[in-house]
């Protein structure tokens, strides 16, 4: 049984930082995949971006939050994006 769960972030690039922000997001996504923390999907609508991050587990997320490569990416993003909304852990509900 998978322990995978979903986090969602909605963000906008700071003025003039669109390409840099996406490059950093791709780098971050690459680290997440390479280290098997999880997987990312990106969507865009106008100036807003939606990041769907499927974490492998709570342990994987905790490890990612302490990973120096991840911390460097997040530090850069602090100057490149404006966070609109974050959902740290979404739970699936049956229809």
N, C-alpha and C. Protein backbone atom coordinates (compact mmCIF):
# COMPACT_ATOMS: atom_id res chain seq x y z
N UNK A 1 0.84 -1.19 0.00
CA UNK A 1 0.00 0.00 0.00
C UNK A 1 0.88 1.25 0.00
N UNK A 2 0.61 2.16 -0.89
CA UNK A 2 1.41 3.38 -1.04
C UNK A 2 1.10 4.37 0.08
N UNK A 3 2.14 5.05 0.53
CA UNK A 3 1.98 6.12 1.51
C UNK A 3 1.99 7.47 0.82
N UNK A 4 1.99 7.47 -0.51
CA UNK A 4 2.06 8.70 -1.28
C UNK A 4 0.92 9.64 -0.92
N UNK A 5 1.22 10.93 -0.87
CA UNK A 5 0.16 11.92 -0.67
C UNK A 5 0.48 13.18 -1.46
N UNK A 6 -0.53 14.01 -1.61
CA UNK A 6 -0.47 15.18 -2.49
C UNK A 6 -0.33 16.48 -1.71
N UNK A 7 0.59 17.33 -2.18
CA UNK A 7 0.69 18.72 -1.75
C UNK A 7 0.46 19.59 -2.99
N UNK A 8 -0.16 20.74 -2.80
CA UNK A 8 -0.45 21.64 -3.91
C UNK A 8 0.02 23.05 -3.56
N UNK A 9 0.66 23.70 -4.52
CA UNK A 9 1.07 25.09 -4.34
C UNK A 9 0.62 25.89 -5.57
N UNK A 10 0.08 27.06 -5.31
CA UNK A 10 -0.27 28.01 -6.36
C UNK A 10 0.67 29.19 -6.20
N UNK A 11 1.35 29.56 -7.28
CA UNK A 11 2.33 30.65 -7.19
C UNK A 11 2.36 31.46 -8.47
N UNK A 12 2.94 32.64 -8.35
CA UNK A 12 3.15 33.53 -9.48
C UNK A 12 4.61 33.97 -9.49
N UNK A 13 5.17 34.09 -10.67
CA UNK A 13 6.56 34.56 -10.79
C UNK A 13 6.60 36.06 -10.51
N UNK A 14 7.66 36.49 -9.86
CA UNK A 14 7.88 37.91 -9.66
C UNK A 14 8.13 38.54 -11.04
N UNK A 15 7.88 39.84 -11.19
CA UNK A 15 8.08 40.48 -12.49
C UNK A 15 9.48 40.22 -13.05
N UNK A 16 9.51 39.76 -14.29
CA UNK A 16 10.78 39.50 -14.97
C UNK A 16 11.48 38.22 -14.54
N UNK A 17 10.85 37.42 -13.68
CA UNK A 17 11.51 36.22 -13.14
C UNK A 17 10.87 34.92 -13.63
N UNK A 18 10.00 34.99 -14.62
CA UNK A 18 9.27 33.81 -15.08
C UNK A 18 10.22 32.68 -15.50
N UNK A 19 11.15 32.96 -16.38
CA UNK A 19 12.07 31.93 -16.88
C UNK A 19 12.95 31.40 -15.76
N UNK A 20 13.47 32.29 -14.93
CA UNK A 20 14.33 31.86 -13.82
C UNK A 20 13.56 31.00 -12.82
N UNK A 21 12.32 31.39 -12.53
CA UNK A 21 11.50 30.63 -11.58
C UNK A 21 11.22 29.23 -12.13
N UNK A 22 10.88 29.13 -13.40
CA UNK A 22 10.62 27.80 -13.97
C UNK A 22 11.89 26.96 -14.01
N UNK A 23 13.03 27.58 -14.27
CA UNK A 23 14.29 26.83 -14.26
C UNK A 23 14.57 26.28 -12.86
N UNK A 24 14.33 27.09 -11.85
CA UNK A 24 14.54 26.64 -10.47
C UNK A 24 13.54 25.55 -10.12
N UNK A 25 12.29 25.70 -10.52
CA UNK A 25 11.27 24.68 -10.26
C UNK A 25 11.64 23.36 -10.93
N UNK A 26 12.15 23.44 -12.15
CA UNK A 26 12.57 22.20 -12.85
C UNK A 26 13.74 21.55 -12.13
N UNK A 27 14.68 22.36 -11.64
CA UNK A 27 15.81 21.83 -10.89
C UNK A 27 15.30 21.15 -9.61
N UNK A 28 14.41 21.79 -8.92
CA UNK A 28 13.82 21.25 -7.69
C UNK A 28 13.11 19.92 -7.99
N UNK A 29 12.33 19.91 -9.05
CA UNK A 29 11.62 18.70 -9.45
C UNK A 29 12.58 17.57 -9.79
N UNK A 30 13.69 17.92 -10.41
CA UNK A 30 14.71 16.94 -10.76
C UNK A 30 15.33 16.31 -9.50
N UNK A 31 15.61 17.12 -8.51
CA UNK A 31 16.16 16.62 -7.24
C UNK A 31 15.15 15.69 -6.58
N UNK A 32 13.89 16.09 -6.57
CA UNK A 32 12.83 15.28 -5.96
C UNK A 32 12.73 13.92 -6.64
N UNK A 33 12.78 13.90 -7.96
CA UNK A 33 12.69 12.64 -8.69
C UNK A 33 13.96 11.79 -8.50
N UNK A 34 15.13 12.42 -8.63
CA UNK A 34 16.39 11.69 -8.52
C UNK A 34 16.57 11.03 -7.16
N UNK A 35 16.14 11.73 -6.11
CA UNK A 35 16.31 11.21 -4.75
C UNK A 35 15.08 10.43 -4.28
N UNK A 36 14.13 10.25 -5.21
CA UNK A 36 12.93 9.46 -4.95
C UNK A 36 12.10 10.00 -3.77
N UNK A 37 12.07 11.32 -3.64
CA UNK A 37 11.21 11.94 -2.64
C UNK A 37 9.76 11.94 -3.12
N UNK A 38 9.57 12.01 -4.43
CA UNK A 38 8.23 12.07 -4.98
C UNK A 38 8.28 12.44 -6.44
N UNK A 39 7.19 13.08 -6.91
CA UNK A 39 7.10 13.49 -8.31
C UNK A 39 6.26 14.76 -8.40
N UNK A 40 6.56 15.57 -9.40
CA UNK A 40 5.90 16.86 -9.59
C UNK A 40 5.19 16.94 -10.93
N UNK A 41 4.09 17.68 -10.93
CA UNK A 41 3.39 18.06 -12.16
C UNK A 41 3.15 19.56 -12.09
N UNK A 42 3.36 20.25 -13.21
CA UNK A 42 3.18 21.70 -13.28
C UNK A 42 2.09 22.05 -14.27
N UNK A 43 1.31 23.07 -13.93
CA UNK A 43 0.27 23.60 -14.81
C UNK A 43 0.33 25.12 -14.73
N UNK A 44 -0.15 25.75 -15.80
CA UNK A 44 -0.13 27.21 -15.85
C UNK A 44 -1.45 27.73 -16.38
N UNK A 45 -1.87 28.85 -15.81
CA UNK A 45 -3.03 29.58 -16.30
C UNK A 45 -2.69 31.06 -16.21
N UNK A 46 -2.44 31.68 -17.34
CA UNK A 46 -2.03 33.08 -17.33
C UNK A 46 -0.72 33.24 -16.57
N UNK A 47 -0.72 34.10 -15.54
CA UNK A 47 0.48 34.34 -14.74
C UNK A 47 0.58 33.42 -13.53
N UNK A 48 -0.41 32.58 -13.33
CA UNK A 48 -0.43 31.70 -12.16
C UNK A 48 0.01 30.29 -12.54
N UNK A 49 0.74 29.68 -11.62
CA UNK A 49 1.21 28.31 -11.79
C UNK A 49 0.62 27.45 -10.69
N UNK A 50 0.40 26.19 -11.03
CA UNK A 50 -0.09 25.21 -10.08
C UNK A 50 0.92 24.07 -10.04
N UNK A 51 1.42 23.77 -8.86
CA UNK A 51 2.36 22.67 -8.67
C UNK A 51 1.65 21.58 -7.89
N UNK A 52 1.59 20.39 -8.47
CA UNK A 52 1.08 19.21 -7.77
C UNK A 52 2.30 18.37 -7.41
N UNK A 53 2.53 18.17 -6.15
CA UNK A 53 3.67 17.36 -5.71
C UNK A 53 3.14 16.14 -4.97
N UNK A 54 3.46 14.97 -5.51
CA UNK A 54 3.10 13.71 -4.89
C UNK A 54 4.33 13.21 -4.12
N UNK A 55 4.29 13.33 -2.80
CA UNK A 55 5.37 12.86 -1.95
C UNK A 55 5.28 11.35 -1.81
N UNK A 56 6.43 10.67 -1.83
CA UNK A 56 6.46 9.22 -1.63
C UNK A 56 5.91 8.83 -0.27
N UNK A 57 6.22 9.63 0.74
CA UNK A 57 5.80 9.35 2.12
C UNK A 57 6.11 10.57 2.98
N UNK A 58 5.65 10.54 4.19
CA UNK A 58 5.97 11.61 5.13
C UNK A 58 7.47 11.63 5.42
N UNK A 59 8.10 10.47 5.46
CA UNK A 59 9.55 10.39 5.69
C UNK A 59 10.32 11.01 4.53
N UNK A 60 9.84 10.79 3.32
CA UNK A 60 10.49 11.39 2.14
C UNK A 60 10.38 12.91 2.20
N UNK A 61 9.22 13.41 2.57
CA UNK A 61 9.03 14.87 2.68
C UNK A 61 9.95 15.45 3.75
N UNK A 62 10.04 14.79 4.89
CA UNK A 62 10.92 15.26 5.97
C UNK A 62 12.38 15.30 5.52
N UNK A 63 12.79 14.25 4.81
CA UNK A 63 14.17 14.21 4.30
C UNK A 63 14.41 15.34 3.30
N UNK A 64 13.44 15.60 2.43
CA UNK A 64 13.57 16.67 1.43
C UNK A 64 13.71 18.02 2.10
N UNK A 65 12.98 18.25 3.18
CA UNK A 65 13.02 19.53 3.88
C UNK A 65 14.36 19.79 4.57
N UNK A 66 15.19 18.76 4.69
CA UNK A 66 16.52 18.92 5.29
C UNK A 66 17.63 18.77 4.26
N UNK A 67 17.29 18.49 3.03
CA UNK A 67 18.27 18.24 1.97
C UNK A 67 18.89 19.56 1.51
N UNK A 68 20.23 19.69 1.55
CA UNK A 68 20.89 20.93 1.14
C UNK A 68 20.57 21.37 -0.30
N UNK A 69 20.45 20.42 -1.23
CA UNK A 69 20.10 20.78 -2.61
C UNK A 69 18.71 21.42 -2.67
N UNK A 70 17.78 20.84 -1.94
CA UNK A 70 16.42 21.37 -1.90
C UNK A 70 16.41 22.75 -1.25
N UNK A 71 17.13 22.90 -0.16
CA UNK A 71 17.17 24.19 0.55
C UNK A 71 17.73 25.30 -0.33
N UNK A 72 18.75 24.98 -1.14
CA UNK A 72 19.31 25.99 -2.05
C UNK A 72 18.28 26.43 -3.09
N UNK A 73 17.53 25.47 -3.63
CA UNK A 73 16.48 25.81 -4.60
C UNK A 73 15.41 26.67 -3.95
N UNK A 74 14.94 26.27 -2.78
CA UNK A 74 13.89 27.04 -2.11
C UNK A 74 14.37 28.45 -1.77
N UNK A 75 15.65 28.59 -1.42
CA UNK A 75 16.19 29.92 -1.13
C UNK A 75 16.13 30.81 -2.38
N UNK A 76 16.49 30.27 -3.53
CA UNK A 76 16.41 31.03 -4.79
C UNK A 76 14.97 31.40 -5.11
N UNK A 77 14.06 30.45 -4.90
CA UNK A 77 12.66 30.71 -5.21
C UNK A 77 12.09 31.86 -4.38
N UNK A 78 12.64 32.08 -3.21
CA UNK A 78 12.18 33.18 -2.37
C UNK A 78 12.31 34.54 -3.04
N UNK A 79 13.21 34.64 -4.02
CA UNK A 79 13.39 35.89 -4.77
C UNK A 79 12.74 35.84 -6.16
N UNK A 80 12.18 34.69 -6.51
CA UNK A 80 11.66 34.51 -7.86
C UNK A 80 10.15 34.37 -7.94
N UNK A 81 9.51 33.95 -6.85
CA UNK A 81 8.07 33.71 -6.90
C UNK A 81 7.34 34.31 -5.71
N UNK A 82 6.06 34.46 -5.89
CA UNK A 82 5.14 34.87 -4.81
C UNK A 82 4.17 33.71 -4.62
N UNK A 83 4.13 33.14 -3.43
CA UNK A 83 3.21 32.05 -3.13
C UNK A 83 1.81 32.63 -2.93
N UNK A 84 0.84 32.06 -3.61
CA UNK A 84 -0.55 32.48 -3.48
C UNK A 84 -1.26 31.61 -2.44
N UNK A 85 -1.08 30.30 -2.53
CA UNK A 85 -1.74 29.37 -1.62
C UNK A 85 -0.99 28.04 -1.62
N UNK A 86 -0.91 27.41 -0.44
CA UNK A 86 -0.28 26.10 -0.32
C UNK A 86 -1.22 25.18 0.47
N UNK A 87 -1.37 23.98 -0.03
CA UNK A 87 -2.05 22.92 0.69
C UNK A 87 -0.99 21.86 0.97
N UNK A 88 -0.54 21.77 2.20
CA UNK A 88 0.58 20.89 2.56
C UNK A 88 0.26 19.41 2.38
N UNK A 89 -0.94 19.01 2.75
CA UNK A 89 -1.27 17.59 2.68
C UNK A 89 -2.76 17.44 2.41
N UNK A 90 -3.08 16.98 1.20
CA UNK A 90 -4.46 16.77 0.82
C UNK A 90 -4.81 15.29 0.97
N UNK A 91 -6.00 15.06 1.45
CA UNK A 91 -6.49 13.69 1.59
C UNK A 91 -7.57 13.43 0.58
N UNK A 92 -7.53 12.28 -0.05
CA UNK A 92 -8.54 11.91 -1.03
C UNK A 92 -9.85 11.58 -0.31
N UNK A 93 -10.93 12.05 -0.89
CA UNK A 93 -12.26 11.73 -0.36
C UNK A 93 -13.02 10.97 -1.44
N UNK A 94 -13.76 10.00 -1.05
CA UNK A 94 -14.54 9.21 -2.00
C UNK A 94 -15.71 10.01 -2.54
N UNK A 95 -16.08 9.71 -3.75
CA UNK A 95 -17.21 10.40 -4.38
C UNK A 95 -18.53 9.82 -3.91
